[in-house]
């Protein structure tokens, strides 16, 4: 049986999103990479079975989140990064990346990727060039213990 018409839903634009980390102010970024997960595959070679190898799911892994933003006056993320360098310990924090979109003429979270036990592993300041009028950009790389798609608006 064929549907009469296709659903009239349009995909969300990826242009506006917010990073929220427990205990820190929410921050808007211009780029976010690393919203991914992968399940490894382990091959098991069964004795006497030469036609194929059994393929079994193995450990899951998640890449670091890499967030890029224009340099502004806020310094909370820098302070979080330097906790380890100054005190030898960094407090892992839970957080989320929320994709924002206009729904009923109001900006609201439409997709939320939650991560847990995260800490900053790399902080890159802007490349400064006196001959350029481009926006000064910094990036933050965050390691974490997994992503899940959380309920938007929760």
C-alpha atoms as a PDB file:
ATOM      1  CA  UNK A   1       0.000   0.000   0.000  1.00  0.00           C
ATOM      2  CA  UNK A   2       1.398   3.387  -1.008  1.00  0.00           C
ATOM      3  CA  UNK A   3       0.847   6.583   1.016  1.00  0.00           C
ATOM      4  CA  UNK A   4      -1.357   9.167  -0.648  1.00  0.00           C
ATOM      5  CA  UNK A   5       0.933  12.097   0.234  1.00  0.00           C
ATOM      6  CA  UNK A   6       4.299  12.544   1.843  1.00  0.00           C
ATOM      7  CA  UNK A   7       4.390  13.984   5.382  1.00  0.00           C
ATOM      8  CA  UNK A   8       4.664  17.781   5.403  1.00  0.00           C
ATOM      9  CA  UNK A   9       7.435  17.989   8.001  1.00  0.00           C
ATOM     10  CA  UNK A  10      10.580  19.895   7.172  1.00  0.00           C
ATOM     11  CA  UNK A  11      13.989  19.249   8.746  1.00  0.00           C
ATOM     12  CA  UNK A  12      15.301  21.695  11.330  1.00  0.00           C
ATOM     13  CA  UNK A  13      18.048  24.129  10.394  1.00  0.00           C
ATOM     14  CA  UNK A  14      21.344  23.607  12.245  1.00  0.00           C
ATOM     15  CA  UNK A  15      22.087  27.305  12.582  1.00  0.00           C
ATOM     16  CA  UNK A  16      21.303  27.970  16.253  1.00  0.00           C
ATOM     17  CA  UNK A  17      22.289  25.814  19.196  1.00  0.00           C
ATOM     18  CA  UNK A  18      23.254  26.273  22.825  1.00  0.00           C
ATOM     19  CA  UNK A  19      25.711  24.474  25.119  1.00  0.00           C
ATOM     20  CA  UNK A  20      24.544  24.108  28.714  1.00  0.00           C
ATOM     21  CA  UNK A  21      26.880  22.616  31.330  1.00  0.00           C
ATOM     22  CA  UNK A  22      25.915  22.051  34.963  1.00  0.00           C
ATOM     23  CA  UNK A  23      27.162  24.914  37.091  1.00  0.00           C
ATOM     24  CA  UNK A  24      28.196  27.122  34.143  1.00  0.00           C
ATOM     25  CA  UNK A  25      26.295  29.731  32.144  1.00  0.00           C
ATOM     26  CA  UNK A  26      24.754  28.571  28.840  1.00  0.00           C
ATOM     27  CA  UNK A  27      26.786  29.576  25.797  1.00  0.00           C
ATOM     28  CA  UNK A  28      25.871  29.869  22.102  1.00  0.00           C
ATOM     29  CA  UNK A  29      28.401  28.505  19.624  1.00  0.00           C
ATOM     30  CA  UNK A  30      28.768  28.864  15.876  1.00  0.00           C
ATOM     31  CA  UNK A  31      29.890  25.267  15.232  1.00  0.00           C
ATOM     32  CA  UNK A  32      29.520  21.935  16.984  1.00  0.00           C
ATOM     33  CA  UNK A  33      31.102  18.659  15.873  1.00  0.00           C
ATOM     34  CA  UNK A  34      31.166  15.266  17.540  1.00  0.00           C
ATOM     35  CA  UNK A  35      27.473  14.549  18.080  1.00  0.00           C
ATOM     36  CA  UNK A  36      28.044  10.925  17.195  1.00  0.00           C
ATOM     37  CA  UNK A  37      28.466   7.456  18.588  1.00  0.00           C
ATOM     38  CA  UNK A  38      29.803   4.207  17.247  1.00  0.00           C
ATOM     39  CA  UNK A  39      29.471   0.581  18.280  1.00  0.00           C
ATOM     40  CA  UNK A  40      32.550  -1.475  17.522  1.00  0.00           C
ATOM     41  CA  UNK A  41      32.349  -4.851  15.834  1.00  0.00           C
ATOM     42  CA  UNK A  42      34.191  -7.908  17.057  1.00  0.00           C
ATOM     43  CA  UNK A  43      34.632 -10.847  14.732  1.00  0.00           C
ATOM     44  CA  UNK A  44      34.462 -14.363  16.147  1.00  0.00           C
ATOM     45  CA  UNK A  45      35.951 -17.110  14.031  1.00  0.00           C
ATOM     46  CA  UNK A  46      34.077 -20.332  14.764  1.00  0.00           C
ATOM     47  CA  UNK A  47      36.053 -23.521  14.294  1.00  0.00           C
ATOM     48  CA  UNK A  48      34.782 -25.502  11.297  1.00  0.00           C
ATOM     49  CA  UNK A  49      32.799 -22.564   9.890  1.00  0.00           C
ATOM     50  CA  UNK A  50      34.849 -21.221   6.974  1.00  0.00           C
ATOM     51  CA  UNK A  51      32.105 -19.390   5.052  1.00  0.00           C
ATOM     52  CA  UNK A  52      31.932 -16.359   7.355  1.00  0.00           C
ATOM     53  CA  UNK A  53      33.010 -14.877  10.652  1.00  0.00           C
ATOM     54  CA  UNK A  54      30.399 -14.113  13.282  1.00  0.00           C
ATOM     55  CA  UNK A  55      30.149 -10.358  13.797  1.00  0.00           C
ATOM     56  CA  UNK A  56      29.172  -9.262  17.290  1.00  0.00           C
ATOM     57  CA  UNK A  57      28.620  -5.823  18.802  1.00  0.00           C
ATOM     58  CA  UNK A  58      31.494  -4.629  20.987  1.00  0.00           C
ATOM     59  CA  UNK A  59      32.211  -1.513  23.042  1.00  0.00           C
ATOM     60  CA  UNK A  60      30.562   1.793  22.165  1.00  0.00           C
ATOM     61  CA  UNK A  61      32.658   4.913  21.699  1.00  0.00           C
ATOM     62  CA  UNK A  62      31.923   8.612  21.388  1.00  0.00           C
ATOM     63  CA  UNK A  63      34.188  11.266  19.847  1.00  0.00           C
ATOM     64  CA  UNK A  64      35.001  14.453  21.718  1.00  0.00           C
ATOM     65  CA  UNK A  65      32.647  17.379  21.221  1.00  0.00           C
ATOM     66  CA  UNK A  66      34.358  20.268  19.448  1.00  0.00           C
ATOM     67  CA  UNK A  67      32.619  23.619  19.838  1.00  0.00           C
ATOM     68  CA  UNK A  68      33.618  26.835  18.091  1.00  0.00           C
ATOM     69  CA  UNK A  69      32.509  30.375  18.959  1.00  0.00           C
ATOM     70  CA  UNK A  70      33.419  33.982  18.441  1.00  0.00           C
ATOM     71  CA  UNK A  71      35.539  35.324  21.295  1.00  0.00           C
ATOM     72  CA  UNK A  72      33.481  37.250  23.840  1.00  0.00           C
ATOM     73  CA  UNK A  73      33.881  38.534  27.387  1.00  0.00           C
ATOM     74  CA  UNK A  74      32.738  35.335  29.179  1.00  0.00           C
ATOM     75  CA  UNK A  75      35.522  33.293  30.767  1.00  0.00           C
ATOM     76  CA  UNK A  76      33.714  30.432  32.563  1.00  0.00           C
ATOM     77  CA  UNK A  77      34.805  27.808  30.007  1.00  0.00           C
ATOM     78  CA  UNK A  78      38.430  28.984  30.253  1.00  0.00           C
ATOM     79  CA  UNK A  79      38.224  28.765  34.056  1.00  0.00           C
ATOM     80  CA  UNK A  80      36.790  25.235  33.835  1.00  0.00           C
ATOM     81  CA  UNK A  81      39.657  24.214  31.529  1.00  0.00           C
ATOM     82  CA  UNK A  82      42.274  25.702  33.877  1.00  0.00           C
ATOM     83  CA  UNK A  83      40.877  23.902  36.976  1.00  0.00           C
ATOM     84  CA  UNK A  84      43.076  20.935  36.136  1.00  0.00           C
ATOM     85  CA  UNK A  85      46.165  22.980  35.273  1.00  0.00           C
ATOM     86  CA  UNK A  86      45.976  25.008  38.479  1.00  0.00           C
ATOM     87  CA  UNK A  87      44.611  22.497  40.995  1.00  0.00           C
ATOM     88  CA  UNK A  88      45.437  19.127  39.429  1.00  0.00           C
ATOM     89  CA  UNK A  89      41.762  18.159  39.392  1.00  0.00           C
ATOM     90  CA  UNK A  90      38.830  19.008  37.118  1.00  0.00           C
ATOM     91  CA  UNK A  91      35.226  18.483  38.131  1.00  0.00           C
ATOM     92  CA  UNK A  92      33.438  16.371  35.494  1.00  0.00           C
ATOM     93  CA  UNK A  93      30.096  17.930  34.618  1.00  0.00           C
ATOM     94  CA  UNK A  94      26.961  16.817  32.809  1.00  0.00           C
ATOM     95  CA  UNK A  95      25.605  18.971  30.026  1.00  0.00           C
ATOM     96  CA  UNK A  96      23.692  19.172  26.801  1.00  0.00           C
ATOM     97  CA  UNK A  97      23.750  20.638  23.329  1.00  0.00           C
ATOM     98  CA  UNK A  98      20.312  21.935  22.335  1.00  0.00           C
ATOM     99  CA  UNK A  99      19.335  22.604  18.732  1.00  0.00           C
ATOM    100  CA  UNK A 100      17.079  25.659  18.768  1.00  0.00           C
ATOM    101  CA  UNK A 101      14.372  26.419  16.215  1.00  0.00           C
ATOM    102  CA  UNK A 102      11.315  28.628  15.912  1.00  0.00           C
ATOM    103  CA  UNK A 103       8.140  26.740  16.761  1.00  0.00           C
ATOM    104  CA  UNK A 104       4.875  28.723  16.890  1.00  0.00           C
ATOM    105  CA  UNK A 105       6.888  31.972  16.611  1.00  0.00           C
ATOM    106  CA  UNK A 106       8.943  31.105  19.707  1.00  0.00           C
ATOM    107  CA  UNK A 107      12.578  29.955  19.878  1.00  0.00           C
ATOM    108  CA  UNK A 108      12.618  26.548  21.566  1.00  0.00           C
ATOM    109  CA  UNK A 109      14.800  23.454  21.864  1.00  0.00           C
ATOM    110  CA  UNK A 110      13.779  20.891  19.236  1.00  0.00           C
ATOM    111  CA  UNK A 111      16.581  18.327  19.719  1.00  0.00           C
ATOM    112  CA  UNK A 112      18.732  17.850  22.798  1.00  0.00           C
ATOM    113  CA  UNK A 113      21.888  15.734  22.989  1.00  0.00           C
ATOM    114  CA  UNK A 114      22.805  15.128  26.631  1.00  0.00           C
ATOM    115  CA  UNK A 115      26.295  14.088  27.685  1.00  0.00           C
ATOM    116  CA  UNK A 116      27.627  13.014  31.063  1.00  0.00           C
ATOM    117  CA  UNK A 117      30.825  13.284  33.060  1.00  0.00           C
ATOM    118  CA  UNK A 118      32.475  15.725  30.661  1.00  0.00           C
ATOM    119  CA  UNK A 119      35.647  17.740  31.052  1.00  0.00           C
ATOM    120  CA  UNK A 120      37.552  20.077  28.738  1.00  0.00           C
ATOM    121  CA  UNK A 121      40.577  18.516  27.067  1.00  0.00           C
ATOM    122  CA  UNK A 122      41.605  21.236  24.644  1.00  0.00           C
ATOM    123  CA  UNK A 123      41.064  24.952  24.419  1.00  0.00           C
ATOM    124  CA  UNK A 124      42.225  26.898  21.379  1.00  0.00           C
ATOM    125  CA  UNK A 125      42.334  30.685  21.368  1.00  0.00           C
ATOM    126  CA  UNK A 126      41.868  32.809  18.256  1.00  0.00           C
ATOM    127  CA  UNK A 127      44.392  33.215  15.471  1.00  0.00           C
ATOM    128  CA  UNK A 128      45.147  36.909  15.463  1.00  0.00           C
ATOM    129  CA  UNK A 129      46.004  38.705  12.245  1.00  0.00           C
ATOM    130  CA  UNK A 130      46.263  42.505  12.027  1.00  0.00           C
ATOM    131  CA  UNK A 131      45.557  42.347   8.288  1.00  0.00           C
ATOM    132  CA  UNK A 132      42.221  40.549   8.688  1.00  0.00           C
ATOM    133  CA  UNK A 133      38.840  41.850   9.791  1.00  0.00           C
ATOM    134  CA  UNK A 134      37.437  38.362  10.497  1.00  0.00           C
ATOM    135  CA  UNK A 135      35.769  37.489  13.796  1.00  0.00           C
ATOM    136  CA  UNK A 136      38.192  36.184  16.441  1.00  0.00           C
ATOM    137  CA  UNK A 137      37.245  32.529  16.982  1.00  0.00           C
ATOM    138  CA  UNK A 138      38.068  30.118  19.818  1.00  0.00           C
ATOM    139  CA  UNK A 139      37.264  26.432  20.199  1.00  0.00           C
ATOM    140  CA  UNK A 140      36.667  24.084  23.104  1.00  0.00           C
ATOM    141  CA  UNK A 141      37.046  20.310  22.949  1.00  0.00           C
ATOM    142  CA  UNK A 142      35.171  18.265  25.543  1.00  0.00           C
ATOM    143  CA  UNK A 143      35.678  14.572  26.368  1.00  0.00           C
ATOM    144  CA  UNK A 144      32.652  12.783  27.829  1.00  0.00           C
ATOM    145  CA  UNK A 145      31.261   9.395  28.812  1.00  0.00           C
ATOM    146  CA  UNK A 146      28.503   9.122  26.248  1.00  0.00           C
ATOM    147  CA  UNK A 147      25.649  10.860  24.474  1.00  0.00           C
ATOM    148  CA  UNK A 148      21.941  10.260  24.522  1.00  0.00           C
ATOM    149  CA  UNK A 149      19.104  11.967  22.744  1.00  0.00           C
ATOM    150  CA  UNK A 150      17.096  13.573  25.530  1.00  0.00           C
ATOM    151  CA  UNK A 151      13.528  14.778  25.405  1.00  0.00           C
ATOM    152  CA  UNK A 152      13.389  18.346  24.074  1.00  0.00           C
ATOM    153  CA  UNK A 153      11.816  20.827  26.448  1.00  0.00           C
ATOM    154  CA  UNK A 154      12.428  18.620  29.497  1.00  0.00           C
END
